[in-house]
Amino acid sequence: MPDMPSKKELRKGPDDHGFQLNMRAVVGGIIVVALVAFIAGNSAKVEVSFLFFSAKMPLWIVLTCTALLGVAIGALLTQRRQRRKQRNA
C-alpha cells in the first residue's frame, strides 16, 4: 500500500504557498464558466429599454453589464456585512 500523506501535509499554512481549493472557489469558477458560455451563445441584437433610455444592442453586452452589476452589488453587500461584524465584535 503506498504511503498516504498525512492531514498535516494536506493542509498547507499561509507560509507554505500551497494551493488551497475551497468550495467557494469551485462554485465561483463553475458559475463563471457557465456565464461565459451563456453570454457567448447569445449574440443576437435586442432592443433594451430602461427608464427613458431605449437602444438596440447585442445581447452579450446586456448580459455582461448585468453580470458585472450583480458582482458589484454582491461585493458592496459583502463589505457592508463585514463592517457590521467588525463593529459588533
N, C-alpha and C. Protein backbone atom coordinates (compact mmCIF):
# COMPACT_ATOMS: atom_id res chain seq x y z
N MET A 1 0.84 -1.17 0.00
CA MET A 1 0.00 0.00 0.00
C MET A 1 0.89 1.24 0.00
N PRO A 2 0.65 2.20 -0.93
CA PRO A 2 1.51 3.39 -1.00
C PRO A 2 1.31 4.27 0.22
N ASP A 3 2.32 5.04 0.52
CA ASP A 3 2.24 5.96 1.66
C ASP A 3 1.25 7.07 1.34
N MET A 4 0.33 7.26 2.25
CA MET A 4 -0.67 8.32 2.09
C MET A 4 -0.18 9.56 2.85
N PRO A 5 -0.40 10.74 2.29
CA PRO A 5 0.02 11.95 3.01
C PRO A 5 -0.85 12.16 4.24
N SER A 6 -0.25 12.69 5.27
CA SER A 6 -1.00 12.96 6.49
C SER A 6 -1.87 14.19 6.31
N LYS A 7 -2.81 14.36 7.25
CA LYS A 7 -3.69 15.53 7.18
C LYS A 7 -2.87 16.82 7.27
N LYS A 8 -1.81 16.77 8.06
CA LYS A 8 -0.96 17.95 8.22
C LYS A 8 -0.28 18.31 6.89
N GLU A 9 0.13 17.30 6.14
CA GLU A 9 0.76 17.55 4.86
C GLU A 9 -0.24 18.09 3.83
N LEU A 10 -1.50 17.63 3.95
CA LEU A 10 -2.52 18.09 3.02
C LEU A 10 -2.93 19.53 3.31
N ARG A 11 -2.91 19.90 4.57
CA ARG A 11 -3.29 21.26 4.96
C ARG A 11 -2.06 22.15 4.92
N LYS A 12 -2.04 23.07 4.01
CA LYS A 12 -0.89 23.96 3.90
C LYS A 12 -1.18 25.25 4.65
N GLY A 13 -0.20 25.76 5.31
CA GLY A 13 -0.35 27.03 6.02
C GLY A 13 -0.09 28.19 5.08
N PRO A 14 -0.32 29.42 5.55
CA PRO A 14 -0.12 30.59 4.68
C PRO A 14 1.33 30.76 4.23
N ASP A 15 2.29 30.23 5.00
CA ASP A 15 3.70 30.37 4.64
C ASP A 15 4.17 29.28 3.69
N ASP A 16 3.33 28.25 3.48
CA ASP A 16 3.73 27.14 2.64
C ASP A 16 3.51 27.41 1.15
N HIS A 17 2.79 28.46 0.82
CA HIS A 17 2.48 28.82 -0.56
C HIS A 17 1.82 27.67 -1.30
N GLY A 18 1.05 26.87 -0.60
CA GLY A 18 0.34 25.76 -1.21
C GLY A 18 -0.96 26.25 -1.83
N PHE A 19 -1.50 25.46 -2.72
CA PHE A 19 -2.75 25.79 -3.38
C PHE A 19 -3.90 25.23 -2.57
N GLN A 20 -4.73 26.12 -2.03
CA GLN A 20 -5.88 25.67 -1.26
C GLN A 20 -7.13 25.86 -2.10
N LEU A 21 -7.86 24.79 -2.27
CA LEU A 21 -9.07 24.82 -3.07
C LEU A 21 -10.25 24.69 -2.12
N ASN A 22 -11.10 25.71 -2.10
CA ASN A 22 -12.27 25.62 -1.25
C ASN A 22 -13.53 25.58 -2.11
N MET A 23 -14.62 25.24 -1.49
CA MET A 23 -15.87 25.06 -2.21
C MET A 23 -16.33 26.37 -2.85
N ARG A 24 -16.09 27.48 -2.20
CA ARG A 24 -16.50 28.77 -2.74
C ARG A 24 -15.79 29.05 -4.07
N ALA A 25 -14.52 28.73 -4.15
CA ALA A 25 -13.76 28.94 -5.38
C ALA A 25 -14.24 28.02 -6.49
N VAL A 26 -14.55 26.78 -6.14
CA VAL A 26 -15.02 25.82 -7.14
C VAL A 26 -16.36 26.26 -7.71
N VAL A 27 -17.30 26.61 -6.83
CA VAL A 27 -18.63 27.05 -7.27
C VAL A 27 -18.52 28.34 -8.08
N GLY A 28 -17.69 29.27 -7.62
CA GLY A 28 -17.48 30.51 -8.37
C GLY A 28 -16.92 30.27 -9.75
N GLY A 29 -15.98 29.34 -9.86
CA GLY A 29 -15.41 29.00 -11.16
C GLY A 29 -16.44 28.38 -12.10
N ILE A 30 -17.27 27.51 -11.55
CA ILE A 30 -18.31 26.89 -12.36
C ILE A 30 -19.30 27.94 -12.85
N ILE A 31 -19.67 28.86 -11.98
CA ILE A 31 -20.60 29.92 -12.37
C ILE A 31 -20.00 30.80 -13.46
N VAL A 32 -18.73 31.15 -13.32
CA VAL A 32 -18.07 31.99 -14.33
C VAL A 32 -18.02 31.28 -15.68
N VAL A 33 -17.67 30.00 -15.69
CA VAL A 33 -17.61 29.25 -16.95
C VAL A 33 -18.99 29.18 -17.59
N ALA A 34 -20.02 28.90 -16.78
CA ALA A 34 -21.39 28.83 -17.30
C ALA A 34 -21.84 30.19 -17.84
N LEU A 35 -21.50 31.25 -17.13
CA LEU A 35 -21.88 32.60 -17.56
C LEU A 35 -21.21 32.97 -18.88
N VAL A 36 -19.92 32.68 -19.01
CA VAL A 36 -19.21 32.99 -20.25
C VAL A 36 -19.79 32.18 -21.41
N ALA A 37 -20.11 30.92 -21.18
CA ALA A 37 -20.72 30.10 -22.24
C ALA A 37 -22.09 30.64 -22.63
N PHE A 38 -22.88 31.06 -21.65
CA PHE A 38 -24.21 31.61 -21.91
C PHE A 38 -24.12 32.91 -22.69
N ILE A 39 -23.20 33.78 -22.29
CA ILE A 39 -23.03 35.06 -22.97
C ILE A 39 -22.53 34.83 -24.40
N ALA A 40 -21.58 33.91 -24.59
CA ALA A 40 -21.04 33.65 -25.92
C ALA A 40 -22.10 33.09 -26.86
N GLY A 41 -23.06 32.37 -26.32
CA GLY A 41 -24.11 31.77 -27.15
C GLY A 41 -25.25 32.71 -27.49
N ASN A 42 -25.26 33.90 -26.91
CA ASN A 42 -26.35 34.84 -27.14
C ASN A 42 -25.79 36.15 -27.71
N SER A 43 -25.70 36.21 -29.01
CA SER A 43 -25.09 37.38 -29.64
C SER A 43 -26.06 38.17 -30.52
N ALA A 44 -27.33 37.77 -30.56
CA ALA A 44 -28.30 38.48 -31.40
C ALA A 44 -28.54 39.89 -30.88
N LYS A 45 -28.97 40.78 -31.76
CA LYS A 45 -29.29 42.15 -31.34
C LYS A 45 -30.69 42.17 -30.73
N VAL A 46 -30.82 42.90 -29.63
CA VAL A 46 -32.11 43.02 -28.95
C VAL A 46 -32.35 44.49 -28.62
N GLU A 47 -33.61 44.83 -28.42
CA GLU A 47 -33.94 46.19 -28.00
C GLU A 47 -34.03 46.21 -26.49
N VAL A 48 -33.32 47.14 -25.88
CA VAL A 48 -33.27 47.26 -24.43
C VAL A 48 -33.88 48.59 -24.04
N SER A 49 -34.80 48.55 -23.09
CA SER A 49 -35.42 49.77 -22.58
C SER A 49 -35.19 49.86 -21.09
N PHE A 50 -34.73 51.02 -20.63
CA PHE A 50 -34.53 51.26 -19.21
C PHE A 50 -34.90 52.70 -18.92
N LEU A 51 -35.95 52.89 -18.15
CA LEU A 51 -36.48 54.22 -17.82
C LEU A 51 -36.75 54.98 -19.12
N PHE A 52 -35.97 56.03 -19.39
CA PHE A 52 -36.20 56.86 -20.59
C PHE A 52 -35.22 56.50 -21.71
N PHE A 53 -34.46 55.45 -21.52
CA PHE A 53 -33.42 55.06 -22.47
C PHE A 53 -33.86 53.82 -23.23
N SER A 54 -33.69 53.83 -24.52
CA SER A 54 -34.01 52.67 -25.34
C SER A 54 -32.94 52.55 -26.43
N ALA A 55 -32.43 51.35 -26.61
CA ALA A 55 -31.38 51.15 -27.61
C ALA A 55 -31.41 49.71 -28.12
N LYS A 56 -30.88 49.53 -29.31
CA LYS A 56 -30.72 48.19 -29.88
C LYS A 56 -29.24 47.85 -29.81
N MET A 57 -28.93 46.73 -29.14
CA MET A 57 -27.53 46.33 -28.97
C MET A 57 -27.43 44.82 -28.87
N PRO A 58 -26.23 44.29 -29.04
CA PRO A 58 -26.06 42.83 -28.93
C PRO A 58 -26.40 42.35 -27.51
N LEU A 59 -27.05 41.21 -27.43
CA LEU A 59 -27.47 40.67 -26.15
C LEU A 59 -26.29 40.37 -25.24
N TRP A 60 -25.13 40.02 -25.81
CA TRP A 60 -23.97 39.71 -24.97
C TRP A 60 -23.53 40.92 -24.16
N ILE A 61 -23.70 42.12 -24.71
CA ILE A 61 -23.34 43.33 -23.97
C ILE A 61 -24.29 43.52 -22.78
N VAL A 62 -25.58 43.31 -23.03
CA VAL A 62 -26.57 43.44 -21.96
C VAL A 62 -26.29 42.42 -20.86
N LEU A 63 -26.02 41.18 -21.24
CA LEU A 63 -25.75 40.14 -20.25
C LEU A 63 -24.47 40.41 -19.47
N THR A 64 -23.43 40.89 -20.14
CA THR A 64 -22.17 41.20 -19.47
C THR A 64 -22.36 42.34 -18.47
N CYS A 65 -23.07 43.39 -18.88
CA CYS A 65 -23.33 44.52 -17.98
C CYS A 65 -24.15 44.08 -16.78
N THR A 66 -25.14 43.23 -17.01
CA THR A 66 -25.96 42.72 -15.91
C THR A 66 -25.14 41.88 -14.94
N ALA A 67 -24.27 41.03 -15.47
CA ALA A 67 -23.42 40.20 -14.61
C ALA A 67 -22.46 41.07 -13.79
N LEU A 68 -21.86 42.08 -14.42
CA LEU A 68 -20.95 42.97 -13.70
C LEU A 68 -21.67 43.76 -12.62
N LEU A 69 -22.89 44.18 -12.92
CA LEU A 69 -23.69 44.89 -11.92
C LEU A 69 -24.00 43.97 -10.73
N GLY A 70 -24.31 42.72 -11.01
CA GLY A 70 -24.56 41.75 -9.94
C GLY A 70 -23.33 41.51 -9.08
N VAL A 71 -22.16 41.42 -9.70
CA VAL A 71 -20.91 41.25 -8.95
C VAL A 71 -20.65 42.47 -8.08
N ALA A 72 -20.87 43.66 -8.61
CA ALA A 72 -20.65 44.89 -7.85
C ALA A 72 -21.58 44.97 -6.64
N ILE A 73 -22.85 44.65 -6.83
CA ILE A 73 -23.81 44.67 -5.72
C ILE A 73 -23.43 43.63 -4.67
N GLY A 74 -23.02 42.45 -5.11
CA GLY A 74 -22.60 41.41 -4.17
C GLY A 74 -21.38 41.85 -3.37
N ALA A 75 -20.42 42.50 -4.01
CA ALA A 75 -19.22 42.97 -3.31
C ALA A 75 -19.57 44.04 -2.30
N LEU A 76 -20.45 44.96 -2.67
CA LEU A 76 -20.86 46.01 -1.73
C LEU A 76 -21.59 45.44 -0.52
N LEU A 77 -22.45 44.47 -0.74
CA LEU A 77 -23.17 43.85 0.37
C LEU A 77 -22.23 43.07 1.28
N THR A 78 -21.23 42.42 0.69
CA THR A 78 -20.25 41.68 1.48
C THR A 78 -19.44 42.64 2.35
N GLN A 79 -19.01 43.76 1.78
CA GLN A 79 -18.25 44.76 2.55
C GLN A 79 -19.10 45.30 3.70
N ARG A 80 -20.36 45.56 3.42
CA ARG A 80 -21.26 46.09 4.44
C ARG A 80 -21.41 45.09 5.59
N ARG A 81 -21.57 43.81 5.26
CA ARG A 81 -21.72 42.77 6.27
C ARG A 81 -20.45 42.65 7.10
N GLN A 82 -19.27 42.74 6.46
CA GLN A 82 -18.01 42.62 7.19
C GLN A 82 -17.82 43.81 8.13
N ARG A 83 -18.17 45.02 7.68
CA ARG A 83 -18.06 46.19 8.56
C ARG A 83 -18.99 46.06 9.76
N ARG A 84 -20.19 45.56 9.52
CA ARG A 84 -21.15 45.39 10.61
C ARG A 84 -20.63 44.37 11.61
N LYS A 85 -20.01 43.28 11.15
CA LYS A 85 -19.44 42.28 12.05
C LYS A 85 -18.30 42.87 12.88
N GLN A 86 -17.47 43.70 12.23
CA GLN A 86 -16.34 44.31 12.94
C GLN A 86 -16.82 45.26 14.03
N ARG A 87 -17.89 46.01 13.75
CA ARG A 87 -18.41 46.94 14.76
C ARG A 87 -19.02 46.19 15.93
N ASN A 88 -19.66 45.07 15.67
CA ASN A 88 -20.31 44.31 16.73
C ASN A 88 -19.35 43.43 17.51
N ALA A 89 -18.17 43.22 16.99
CA ALA A 89 -17.19 42.35 17.67
C ALA A 89 -16.48 43.05 18.78
